[in-house]
């Protein structure tokens, strides 16, 4: 089963095993609608029963097998996932991060010759301004903004991302 990461466990909340939870869904409240949750520990996913609710500007959750603050502390940083089949299909022009990872990235402006390989998307992360592609080619890592002015196309047929990015730029 393919698991999609939809959130992460944060700091403990109180003394009875509750934890803060960060949502990676848009809008963030969608996290609460997906069930069952999976927790990732040492690259292994396991299904968990959880109670979750909105709390202030974020969310808190308690997992059935976590009953105290010490156990909650050990979960900090764990990914929360759901079966990928539970997520709605991406809308036209939108892409799940998991679908970008592993794609080749090619430049449309490689010194006048288009199609120069810049590497492969290793991961994607969010900043307050925009998402960022982390592109690795073995010898270097490039951080490429995932914005319309830079990412020209995500080519499904060729399995690549076409960017307006010079090969000499970090």
C-alpha atoms as a PDB file:
ATOM      1  CA  UNK A   1       0.000   0.000   0.000  1.00  0.00           C
ATOM      2  CA  UNK A   2       1.268   3.434  -0.901  1.00  0.00           C
ATOM      3  CA  UNK A   3       1.241   5.892   2.004  1.00  0.00           C
ATOM      4  CA  UNK A   4       0.958   9.660   1.507  1.00  0.00           C
ATOM      5  CA  UNK A   5       2.448  11.897   4.197  1.00  0.00           C
ATOM      6  CA  UNK A   6      -0.239  14.329   5.370  1.00  0.00           C
ATOM      7  CA  UNK A   7       1.264  15.651   8.598  1.00  0.00           C
ATOM      8  CA  UNK A   8       3.861  15.336  11.324  1.00  0.00           C
ATOM      9  CA  UNK A   9       3.899  14.910  15.072  1.00  0.00           C
ATOM     10  CA  UNK A  10       5.181  17.883  17.026  1.00  0.00           C
ATOM     11  CA  UNK A  11       5.833  18.604  20.694  1.00  0.00           C
ATOM     12  CA  UNK A  12       3.878  16.984  23.514  1.00  0.00           C
ATOM     13  CA  UNK A  13       0.714  18.724  24.696  1.00  0.00           C
ATOM     14  CA  UNK A  14       0.009  18.176  28.370  1.00  0.00           C
ATOM     15  CA  UNK A  15       0.845  15.090  30.405  1.00  0.00           C
ATOM     16  CA  UNK A  16      -1.668  12.522  29.124  1.00  0.00           C
ATOM     17  CA  UNK A  17      -0.042  11.604  25.798  1.00  0.00           C
ATOM     18  CA  UNK A  18      -1.448  14.320  23.566  1.00  0.00           C
ATOM     19  CA  UNK A  19       0.824  15.847  20.897  1.00  0.00           C
ATOM     20  CA  UNK A  20       0.739  18.872  18.645  1.00  0.00           C
ATOM     21  CA  UNK A  21       0.211  17.889  15.010  1.00  0.00           C
ATOM     22  CA  UNK A  22       1.294  19.828  11.930  1.00  0.00           C
ATOM     23  CA  UNK A  23      -0.917  19.393   8.870  1.00  0.00           C
ATOM     24  CA  UNK A  24       0.515  19.248   5.341  1.00  0.00           C
ATOM     25  CA  UNK A  25      -2.945  19.261   3.753  1.00  0.00           C
ATOM     26  CA  UNK A  26      -4.617  22.198   2.026  1.00  0.00           C
ATOM     27  CA  UNK A  27      -6.642  23.445   3.747  1.00  0.00           C
ATOM     28  CA  UNK A  28      -4.960  22.258   6.970  1.00  0.00           C
ATOM     29  CA  UNK A  29      -8.237  21.043   8.490  1.00  0.00           C
ATOM     30  CA  UNK A  30      -8.474  18.285   5.879  1.00  0.00           C
ATOM     31  CA  UNK A  31      -6.018  16.331   8.007  1.00  0.00           C
ATOM     32  CA  UNK A  32      -8.806  15.581  10.483  1.00  0.00           C
ATOM     33  CA  UNK A  33     -11.005  14.008   7.786  1.00  0.00           C
ATOM     34  CA  UNK A  34      -8.573  11.295   6.693  1.00  0.00           C
ATOM     35  CA  UNK A  35      -8.659   7.945   8.501  1.00  0.00           C
ATOM     36  CA  UNK A  36      -7.082   5.648   9.402  1.00  0.00           C
ATOM     37  CA  UNK A  37      -3.804   7.358  10.186  1.00  0.00           C
ATOM     38  CA  UNK A  38      -0.430   5.679   9.847  1.00  0.00           C
ATOM     39  CA  UNK A  39       2.677   6.619  11.853  1.00  0.00           C
ATOM     40  CA  UNK A  40       6.176   6.241  10.426  1.00  0.00           C
ATOM     41  CA  UNK A  41       8.887   5.008  12.735  1.00  0.00           C
ATOM     42  CA  UNK A  42      12.339   4.049  11.415  1.00  0.00           C
ATOM     43  CA  UNK A  43      10.998   3.954   7.814  1.00  0.00           C
ATOM     44  CA  UNK A  44       8.205   1.530   8.793  1.00  0.00           C
ATOM     45  CA  UNK A  45       4.549   2.538   8.690  1.00  0.00           C
ATOM     46  CA  UNK A  46       2.012   1.234  11.205  1.00  0.00           C
ATOM     47  CA  UNK A  47      -1.693   1.922  11.429  1.00  0.00           C
ATOM     48  CA  UNK A  48      -2.757   3.783  14.568  1.00  0.00           C
ATOM     49  CA  UNK A  49      -6.028   4.783  16.173  1.00  0.00           C
ATOM     50  CA  UNK A  50      -6.052   8.463  17.016  1.00  0.00           C
ATOM     51  CA  UNK A  51      -8.301  11.116  18.441  1.00  0.00           C
ATOM     52  CA  UNK A  52      -7.577  14.511  16.890  1.00  0.00           C
ATOM     53  CA  UNK A  53      -9.082  17.967  17.147  1.00  0.00           C
ATOM     54  CA  UNK A  54      -8.443  21.601  16.301  1.00  0.00           C
ATOM     55  CA  UNK A  55      -6.591  23.504  19.008  1.00  0.00           C
ATOM     56  CA  UNK A  56      -5.946  27.232  18.614  1.00  0.00           C
ATOM     57  CA  UNK A  57      -4.420  27.777  15.173  1.00  0.00           C
ATOM     58  CA  UNK A  58      -3.299  24.141  14.920  1.00  0.00           C
ATOM     59  CA  UNK A  59      -4.228  20.626  15.935  1.00  0.00           C
ATOM     60  CA  UNK A  60      -3.589  18.153  18.741  1.00  0.00           C
ATOM     61  CA  UNK A  61      -3.927  14.375  18.712  1.00  0.00           C
ATOM     62  CA  UNK A  62      -3.695  11.424  21.052  1.00  0.00           C
ATOM     63  CA  UNK A  63      -2.824   7.948  19.864  1.00  0.00           C
ATOM     64  CA  UNK A  64      -4.487   5.022  21.652  1.00  0.00           C
ATOM     65  CA  UNK A  65      -1.182   3.410  22.627  1.00  0.00           C
ATOM     66  CA  UNK A  66       0.346   6.663  23.954  1.00  0.00           C
ATOM     67  CA  UNK A  67      -0.756   7.464  27.485  1.00  0.00           C
ATOM     68  CA  UNK A  68       1.887   9.762  28.955  1.00  0.00           C
ATOM     69  CA  UNK A  69       4.149  12.673  28.130  1.00  0.00           C
ATOM     70  CA  UNK A  70       7.304  10.534  27.847  1.00  0.00           C
ATOM     71  CA  UNK A  71       5.724   8.316  25.181  1.00  0.00           C
ATOM     72  CA  UNK A  72       4.448  11.441  23.397  1.00  0.00           C
ATOM     73  CA  UNK A  73       7.988  12.894  23.394  1.00  0.00           C
ATOM     74  CA  UNK A  74       9.298   9.803  21.574  1.00  0.00           C
ATOM     75  CA  UNK A  75       6.851  10.435  18.700  1.00  0.00           C
ATOM     76  CA  UNK A  76       8.104  13.954  17.991  1.00  0.00           C
ATOM     77  CA  UNK A  77       9.023  14.306  14.313  1.00  0.00           C
ATOM     78  CA  UNK A  78       7.189  11.148  13.194  1.00  0.00           C
ATOM     79  CA  UNK A  79       5.341  11.444   9.897  1.00  0.00           C
ATOM     80  CA  UNK A  80       1.590  10.964   9.789  1.00  0.00           C
ATOM     81  CA  UNK A  81       0.298   9.298   6.654  1.00  0.00           C
ATOM     82  CA  UNK A  82      -2.815   7.877   5.073  1.00  0.00           C
ATOM     83  CA  UNK A  83      -3.346   5.441   2.231  1.00  0.00           C
ATOM     84  CA  UNK A  84      -2.653   7.430  -0.950  1.00  0.00           C
ATOM     85  CA  UNK A  85      -5.881   6.101  -2.499  1.00  0.00           C
ATOM     86  CA  UNK A  86      -7.856   8.125   0.091  1.00  0.00           C
ATOM     87  CA  UNK A  87      -6.621  11.447  -1.301  1.00  0.00           C
ATOM     88  CA  UNK A  88      -8.603  13.167  -4.041  1.00  0.00           C
ATOM     89  CA  UNK A  89      -7.006  13.348  -7.485  1.00  0.00           C
ATOM     90  CA  UNK A  90      -4.869  16.437  -8.049  1.00  0.00           C
ATOM     91  CA  UNK A  91      -6.633  19.189  -9.950  1.00  0.00           C
ATOM     92  CA  UNK A  92      -5.275  20.296 -13.336  1.00  0.00           C
ATOM     93  CA  UNK A  93      -2.106  22.316 -12.769  1.00  0.00           C
ATOM     94  CA  UNK A  94      -1.692  20.964  -9.224  1.00  0.00           C
ATOM     95  CA  UNK A  95       0.685  18.224  -8.088  1.00  0.00           C
ATOM     96  CA  UNK A  96       1.148  16.217  -4.951  1.00  0.00           C
ATOM     97  CA  UNK A  97       4.705  16.556  -3.674  1.00  0.00           C
ATOM     98  CA  UNK A  98       5.070  12.765  -3.639  1.00  0.00           C
ATOM     99  CA  UNK A  99       4.424  12.748  -7.392  1.00  0.00           C
ATOM    100  CA  UNK A 100       7.272  15.205  -8.023  1.00  0.00           C
ATOM    101  CA  UNK A 101       9.906  13.279  -6.053  1.00  0.00           C
ATOM    102  CA  UNK A 102      12.069  11.198  -8.378  1.00  0.00           C
ATOM    103  CA  UNK A 103      11.279  13.204 -11.516  1.00  0.00           C
ATOM    104  CA  UNK A 104      14.083  14.451 -13.726  1.00  0.00           C
ATOM    105  CA  UNK A 105      14.482  18.227 -13.832  1.00  0.00           C
ATOM    106  CA  UNK A 106      15.575  19.769 -17.128  1.00  0.00           C
ATOM    107  CA  UNK A 107      16.468  23.355 -17.899  1.00  0.00           C
ATOM    108  CA  UNK A 108      14.957  25.242 -20.784  1.00  0.00           C
ATOM    109  CA  UNK A 109      17.857  27.716 -20.771  1.00  0.00           C
ATOM    110  CA  UNK A 110      21.098  25.717 -20.704  1.00  0.00           C
ATOM    111  CA  UNK A 111      23.308  28.228 -22.538  1.00  0.00           C
ATOM    112  CA  UNK A 112      20.933  28.347 -25.458  1.00  0.00           C
ATOM    113  CA  UNK A 113      20.377  24.584 -25.602  1.00  0.00           C
ATOM    114  CA  UNK A 114      17.214  23.368 -23.951  1.00  0.00           C
ATOM    115  CA  UNK A 115      16.839  20.102 -22.156  1.00  0.00           C
ATOM    116  CA  UNK A 116      20.014  20.058 -20.042  1.00  0.00           C
ATOM    117  CA  UNK A 117      19.506  17.791 -17.052  1.00  0.00           C
ATOM    118  CA  UNK A 118      19.789  19.471 -13.646  1.00  0.00           C
ATOM    119  CA  UNK A 119      19.202  16.292 -11.641  1.00  0.00           C
ATOM    120  CA  UNK A 120      16.294  14.625  -9.892  1.00  0.00           C
ATOM    121  CA  UNK A 121      13.779  15.989  -7.374  1.00  0.00           C
ATOM    122  CA  UNK A 122      14.930  14.547  -4.030  1.00  0.00           C
ATOM    123  CA  UNK A 123      12.269  16.258  -1.923  1.00  0.00           C
ATOM    124  CA  UNK A 124       9.989  19.275  -1.734  1.00  0.00           C
ATOM    125  CA  UNK A 125       9.488  21.643   1.173  1.00  0.00           C
ATOM    126  CA  UNK A 126       7.372  24.687   1.933  1.00  0.00           C
ATOM    127  CA  UNK A 127       8.528  28.162   2.826  1.00  0.00           C
ATOM    128  CA  UNK A 128       6.254  31.066   3.752  1.00  0.00           C
ATOM    129  CA  UNK A 129       6.657  32.409   0.208  1.00  0.00           C
ATOM    130  CA  UNK A 130       6.418  29.224  -1.927  1.00  0.00           C
ATOM    131  CA  UNK A 131       7.319  25.559  -2.229  1.00  0.00           C
ATOM    132  CA  UNK A 132      10.896  24.622  -3.124  1.00  0.00           C
ATOM    133  CA  UNK A 133      12.206  21.677  -5.156  1.00  0.00           C
ATOM    134  CA  UNK A 134      15.417  20.128  -3.832  1.00  0.00           C
ATOM    135  CA  UNK A 135      17.168  18.858  -6.960  1.00  0.00           C
ATOM    136  CA  UNK A 136      20.202  16.584  -6.655  1.00  0.00           C
ATOM    137  CA  UNK A 137      22.533  15.467  -9.425  1.00  0.00           C
ATOM    138  CA  UNK A 138      25.095  13.526  -7.416  1.00  0.00           C
ATOM    139  CA  UNK A 139      27.642  16.293  -7.122  1.00  0.00           C
ATOM    140  CA  UNK A 140      25.461  19.209  -6.053  1.00  0.00           C
ATOM    141  CA  UNK A 141      22.122  20.201  -4.670  1.00  0.00           C
ATOM    142  CA  UNK A 142      19.967  22.963  -6.139  1.00  0.00           C
ATOM    143  CA  UNK A 143      17.027  24.678  -4.462  1.00  0.00           C
ATOM    144  CA  UNK A 144      14.579  25.679  -7.171  1.00  0.00           C
ATOM    145  CA  UNK A 145      11.469  27.727  -6.341  1.00  0.00           C
ATOM    146  CA  UNK A 146       8.265  25.954  -7.371  1.00  0.00           C
ATOM    147  CA  UNK A 147       6.648  29.064  -8.840  1.00  0.00           C
ATOM    148  CA  UNK A 148       5.027  29.688 -12.208  1.00  0.00           C
ATOM    149  CA  UNK A 149       7.876  31.950 -13.395  1.00  0.00           C
ATOM    150  CA  UNK A 150      10.435  29.155 -12.876  1.00  0.00           C
ATOM    151  CA  UNK A 151       8.566  25.869 -13.300  1.00  0.00           C
ATOM    152  CA  UNK A 152       7.351  25.957 -16.879  1.00  0.00           C
ATOM    153  CA  UNK A 153       5.858  22.479 -17.078  1.00  0.00           C
ATOM    154  CA  UNK A 154       5.440  19.216 -15.228  1.00  0.00           C
ATOM    155  CA  UNK A 155       5.494  16.827 -18.168  1.00  0.00           C
ATOM    156  CA  UNK A 156       3.570  13.713 -17.190  1.00  0.00           C
ATOM    157  CA  UNK A 157       4.403  11.825 -20.404  1.00  0.00           C
ATOM    158  CA  UNK A 158       8.164  12.310 -20.121  1.00  0.00           C
ATOM    159  CA  UNK A 159       8.221  12.176 -16.322  1.00  0.00           C
ATOM    160  CA  UNK A 160      10.129  15.420 -15.966  1.00  0.00           C
ATOM    161  CA  UNK A 161       9.885  18.958 -14.666  1.00  0.00           C
ATOM    162  CA  UNK A 162      10.906  21.691 -17.125  1.00  0.00           C
ATOM    163  CA  UNK A 163      12.318  24.795 -15.464  1.00  0.00           C
ATOM    164  CA  UNK A 164      13.637  28.194 -16.501  1.00  0.00           C
ATOM    165  CA  UNK A 165      16.841  27.765 -14.474  1.00  0.00           C
ATOM    166  CA  UNK A 166      20.458  28.090 -15.489  1.00  0.00           C
ATOM    167  CA  UNK A 167      22.667  25.049 -14.825  1.00  0.00           C
ATOM    168  CA  UNK A 168      25.236  27.317 -13.130  1.00  0.00           C
ATOM    169  CA  UNK A 169      22.766  28.599 -10.509  1.00  0.00           C
ATOM    170  CA  UNK A 170      22.542  27.000  -7.097  1.00  0.00           C
END
